[in-house]
Amino acid sequence: MIFFKRFWTNNKLFILFILLMSVFRSAVADWYTVPTGSMQPTIKEGDRVIVNKMAYDLKLPFSQVTLLTTGEPKRGEIVVFESKAADNRLIKRMIGLPGDVIEMKNETLFINGTKLNHQITKQNSQQLFATEQVDLITHTIRIDKNKSNQLSNFPPIKVPADHYLVLGDNRRNSADSRVYGFVLRHELKGKATTIAFSVNYDNYYLPRENRFFKDIYDI
């Protein structure tokens, strides 16, 4: 008991700092290390993405208990969620909201019967890049022509209540709602906002200088 009292006396500021940081990361904001290229070219392997955990819900720290709903996801936003189906934490782009009817024809999306603005910006024999506008958010998608086009088409499907349809920007290299199904509302962890920093796994883990505190919606 004397040891613990002495430890607390000598380290209470440090302990309080760790406690407050833990609460902050649990309920307010955190960063997420991106291990795969499923969101290329928007997000690269090695990016550390800042996630606003209060974008949709205020949760009791260190739990999944929602104290207050603070907002709802919008089409085009990049969300982080705990997928029970994938048994993993994933990061994808929000495409379909509850009640939406989503369809994909040869890589091109249709939302409620309306074809998205889809313009090819660059292509060669191996890959294609195109800009895609989802509501007010314009982003770039990547299509690897060396990969199977098995997921390049799906018929009109209605998003159920309290569910969402998400896709990766790297369309032929992403396990998303086309593989794991819809995302449940309570699985959402927050909205990705910024790339804090990025390390290049192919260059001795050196930082990518042009990605420090980069707005994720301005790439």
Protein backbone atom coordinates (compact mmCIF):
# COMPACT_ATOMS: atom_id res chain seq x y z
CA MET A 1 0.00 0.00 0.00
CA ILE A 2 2.84 2.39 0.83
CA PHE A 3 4.39 1.65 -2.57
CA PHE A 4 1.18 2.60 -4.42
CA LYS A 5 0.78 5.81 -2.42
CA ARG A 6 4.34 6.80 -3.18
CA PHE A 7 3.92 5.88 -6.85
CA TRP A 8 0.75 8.00 -7.08
CA THR A 9 2.42 10.96 -5.36
CA ASN A 10 5.42 10.85 -7.65
CA ASN A 11 3.54 10.19 -10.89
CA LYS A 12 0.00 11.54 -10.51
CA LEU A 13 0.34 14.13 -13.28
CA PHE A 14 1.62 11.52 -15.69
CA ILE A 15 -1.12 9.07 -14.67
CA LEU A 16 -3.81 11.72 -15.14
CA PHE A 17 -2.36 12.60 -18.54
CA ILE A 18 -2.47 8.96 -19.66
CA LEU A 19 -6.02 8.59 -18.34
CA LEU A 20 -7.25 11.72 -20.12
CA MET A 21 -5.53 10.72 -23.36
CA SER A 22 -7.13 7.28 -23.16
CA VAL A 23 -10.57 8.80 -22.66
CA PHE A 24 -9.94 11.22 -25.55
CA ARG A 25 -8.89 8.44 -27.92
CA SER A 26 -11.77 6.23 -26.85
CA ALA A 27 -14.61 8.74 -27.19
CA VAL A 28 -13.44 11.87 -29.05
CA ALA A 29 -10.76 11.23 -31.68
CA ASP A 30 -8.12 8.68 -32.56
CA TRP A 31 -5.94 7.70 -35.46
CA TYR A 32 -6.17 4.58 -37.56
CA THR A 33 -3.22 2.92 -39.28
CA VAL A 34 -4.17 1.84 -42.80
CA PRO A 35 -2.56 -1.54 -43.56
CA THR A 36 -3.90 -2.19 -47.08
CA GLY A 37 -4.44 -0.40 -50.38
CA SER A 38 -8.21 -0.84 -50.55
CA MET A 39 -8.75 2.93 -50.47
CA GLN A 40 -6.08 3.92 -52.99
CA PRO A 41 -5.44 6.41 -54.41
CA THR A 42 -7.13 8.47 -51.66
CA ILE A 43 -5.49 6.63 -48.77
CA LYS A 44 -2.17 4.81 -49.08
CA GLU A 45 -0.71 1.94 -47.09
CA GLY A 46 1.12 3.50 -44.17
CA ASP A 47 -1.20 6.49 -43.73
CA ARG A 48 -2.19 7.36 -40.16
CA VAL A 49 -5.72 8.66 -40.50
CA ILE A 50 -7.36 10.86 -37.87
CA VAL A 51 -10.89 9.72 -37.04
CA ASN A 52 -13.53 11.99 -35.50
CA LYS A 53 -15.32 9.61 -33.14
CA MET A 54 -17.94 12.23 -32.24
CA ALA A 55 -19.08 12.73 -35.84
CA TYR A 56 -22.05 10.39 -35.44
CA ASP A 57 -22.26 9.44 -31.76
CA LEU A 58 -21.02 10.40 -28.34
CA LYS A 59 -20.20 7.13 -26.61
CA LEU A 60 -19.36 6.25 -23.06
CA PRO A 61 -15.55 5.95 -22.96
CA PHE A 62 -14.19 2.41 -23.23
CA SER A 63 -17.59 1.05 -24.27
CA GLN A 64 -20.02 0.83 -27.18
CA VAL A 65 -22.80 2.52 -25.20
CA THR A 66 -24.18 5.53 -27.12
CA LEU A 67 -24.96 8.51 -24.92
CA LEU A 68 -26.05 10.85 -27.71
CA THR A 69 -26.46 10.74 -31.48
CA THR A 70 -24.53 13.70 -32.88
CA GLY A 71 -25.06 13.23 -36.62
CA GLU A 72 -25.63 10.86 -39.49
CA PRO A 73 -23.21 9.71 -42.19
CA LYS A 74 -23.38 11.43 -45.56
CA ARG A 75 -22.70 9.95 -48.96
CA GLY A 76 -19.08 10.37 -49.98
CA GLU A 77 -17.69 10.47 -46.45
CA ILE A 78 -14.97 8.04 -45.43
CA VAL A 79 -15.98 6.05 -42.38
CA VAL A 80 -14.24 3.70 -39.98
CA PHE A 81 -16.29 0.82 -38.60
CA GLU A 82 -15.98 -2.42 -36.70
CA SER A 83 -17.25 -5.06 -39.11
CA LYS A 84 -18.64 -8.12 -37.38
CA ALA A 85 -18.88 -9.90 -40.75
CA ALA A 86 -15.20 -9.23 -41.54
CA ASP A 87 -14.13 -9.55 -37.90
CA ASN A 88 -11.97 -6.50 -38.43
CA ARG A 89 -11.88 -2.71 -38.29
CA LEU A 90 -12.29 -1.33 -41.81
CA ILE A 91 -12.16 2.04 -43.56
CA LYS A 92 -14.33 2.63 -46.63
CA ARG A 93 -16.32 5.29 -48.46
CA MET A 94 -20.00 5.78 -47.68
CA ILE A 95 -22.08 5.22 -50.81
CA GLY A 96 -25.56 4.06 -49.84
CA LEU A 97 -27.75 5.41 -47.04
CA PRO A 98 -30.82 3.67 -45.60
CA GLY A 99 -33.52 3.47 -48.27
CA ASP A 100 -31.15 4.11 -51.20
CA VAL A 101 -31.17 1.83 -54.23
CA ILE A 102 -27.58 1.23 -55.40
CA GLU A 103 -26.45 -0.38 -58.65
CA MET A 104 -23.08 -0.84 -60.37
CA LYS A 105 -22.62 -1.32 -64.11
CA ASN A 106 -19.09 -1.82 -65.43
CA GLU A 107 -17.53 0.06 -62.48
CA THR A 108 -20.04 2.94 -62.75
CA LEU A 109 -22.40 3.57 -59.84
CA PHE A 110 -26.07 4.47 -59.94
CA ILE A 111 -27.79 5.87 -56.83
CA ASN A 112 -31.59 5.84 -56.87
CA GLY A 113 -31.50 5.44 -60.65
CA THR A 114 -29.14 8.38 -61.24
CA LYS A 115 -25.75 7.69 -62.78
CA LEU A 116 -22.90 9.25 -60.86
CA ASN A 117 -20.64 11.72 -62.59
CA HIS A 118 -17.80 9.38 -63.62
CA GLN A 119 -14.93 10.75 -65.73
CA ILE A 120 -11.78 8.89 -66.70
CA THR A 121 -8.66 10.92 -65.94
CA LYS A 122 -5.88 8.43 -66.70
CA GLN A 123 -5.61 4.91 -68.05
CA ASN A 124 -3.16 2.44 -69.51
CA SER A 125 -3.05 -1.29 -70.09
CA GLN A 126 -2.79 -2.05 -66.36
CA GLN A 127 -4.91 0.49 -64.52
CA LEU A 128 -7.50 3.20 -64.84
CA PHE A 129 -8.21 6.26 -62.71
CA ALA A 130 -11.47 8.16 -62.74
CA THR A 131 -13.09 10.94 -60.75
CA GLU A 132 -16.41 10.10 -59.16
CA GLN A 133 -18.80 12.61 -57.59
CA VAL A 134 -20.98 11.40 -54.72
CA ASP A 135 -23.30 14.26 -53.79
CA LEU A 136 -20.93 17.16 -53.01
CA ILE A 137 -17.77 15.06 -52.61
CA THR A 138 -15.56 14.38 -55.62
CA HIS A 139 -12.87 11.73 -55.28
CA THR A 140 -10.68 9.50 -57.42
CA ILE A 141 -11.17 5.77 -57.85
CA ARG A 142 -8.63 3.25 -59.07
CA ILE A 143 -9.39 0.22 -61.22
CA ASP A 144 -6.68 -2.43 -61.52
CA LYS A 145 -7.23 -4.11 -64.87
CA ASN A 146 -5.04 -7.05 -63.84
CA LYS A 147 -7.59 -8.00 -61.17
CA SER A 148 -10.85 -9.86 -61.68
CA ASN A 149 -13.89 -7.78 -62.66
CA GLN A 150 -16.15 -10.11 -60.66
CA LEU A 151 -17.18 -7.22 -58.37
CA SER A 152 -17.52 -4.63 -61.15
CA ASN A 153 -21.26 -5.17 -61.50
CA PHE A 154 -24.19 -5.77 -59.19
CA PRO A 155 -27.94 -5.35 -59.73
CA PRO A 156 -30.08 -2.71 -58.00
CA ILE A 157 -30.15 -3.37 -54.27
CA LYS A 158 -32.03 -1.42 -51.61
CA VAL A 159 -30.19 -0.47 -48.44
CA PRO A 160 -32.24 -1.56 -45.39
CA ALA A 161 -33.12 0.73 -42.51
CA ASP A 162 -30.26 1.28 -40.06
CA HIS A 163 -27.75 -0.09 -42.59
CA TYR A 164 -25.22 1.41 -45.01
CA LEU A 165 -23.46 0.38 -48.20
CA VAL A 166 -19.74 1.16 -48.37
CA LEU A 167 -17.10 0.72 -51.08
CA GLY A 168 -13.34 1.06 -51.32
CA ASP A 169 -11.87 3.57 -53.79
CA ASN A 170 -9.57 0.83 -55.12
CA ARG A 171 -12.57 -0.87 -56.66
CA ARG A 172 -11.13 -4.23 -57.74
CA ASN A 173 -8.94 -4.51 -54.64
CA SER A 174 -11.44 -3.89 -51.87
CA ALA A 175 -13.44 -6.26 -49.70
CA ASP A 176 -16.40 -4.05 -48.83
CA SER A 177 -20.20 -4.27 -48.92
CA ARG A 178 -19.91 -6.34 -52.11
CA VAL A 179 -18.20 -9.01 -50.00
CA TYR A 180 -19.31 -8.52 -46.39
CA GLY A 181 -22.73 -6.97 -46.92
CA PHE A 182 -24.19 -3.85 -45.36
CA VAL A 183 -22.69 -2.00 -42.39
CA LEU A 184 -24.90 -1.70 -39.32
CA ARG A 185 -25.36 1.74 -37.76
CA HIS A 186 -23.91 0.66 -34.40
CA GLU A 187 -20.73 -0.61 -36.11
CA LEU A 188 -19.69 2.91 -37.12
CA LYS A 189 -16.72 4.23 -35.15
CA GLY A 190 -16.38 7.66 -36.75
CA LYS A 191 -15.55 9.81 -39.75
CA ALA A 192 -12.05 9.96 -41.23
CA THR A 193 -10.96 13.57 -41.62
CA THR A 194 -7.20 14.02 -41.98
CA ILE A 195 -3.99 12.15 -42.71
CA ALA A 196 -1.81 12.93 -39.70
CA PHE A 197 1.31 11.51 -41.34
CA SER A 198 2.32 8.66 -43.60
CA VAL A 199 5.24 6.25 -43.77
CA ASN A 200 6.41 4.62 -46.97
CA TYR A 201 6.75 0.88 -46.43
CA ASP A 202 8.72 0.57 -49.68
CA ASN A 203 11.26 3.25 -48.74
CA TYR A 204 12.63 2.18 -45.35
CA TYR A 205 9.50 3.47 -43.56
CA LEU A 206 10.52 7.05 -44.23
CA PRO A 207 7.71 9.64 -43.93
CA ARG A 208 5.98 10.90 -47.07
CA GLU A 209 6.64 14.64 -46.87
CA ASN A 210 3.55 15.67 -48.84
CA ARG A 211 1.06 13.90 -46.55
CA PHE A 212 1.56 15.63 -43.19
CA PHE A 213 -1.85 16.79 -41.91
CA LYS A 214 -3.41 16.41 -45.34
CA ASP A 215 -7.17 16.95 -45.61
CA ILE A 216 -8.49 13.57 -46.69
CA TYR A 217 -11.16 15.22 -48.86
CA ASP A 218 -8.61 17.35 -50.69
CA ILE A 219 -6.51 14.60 -52.24
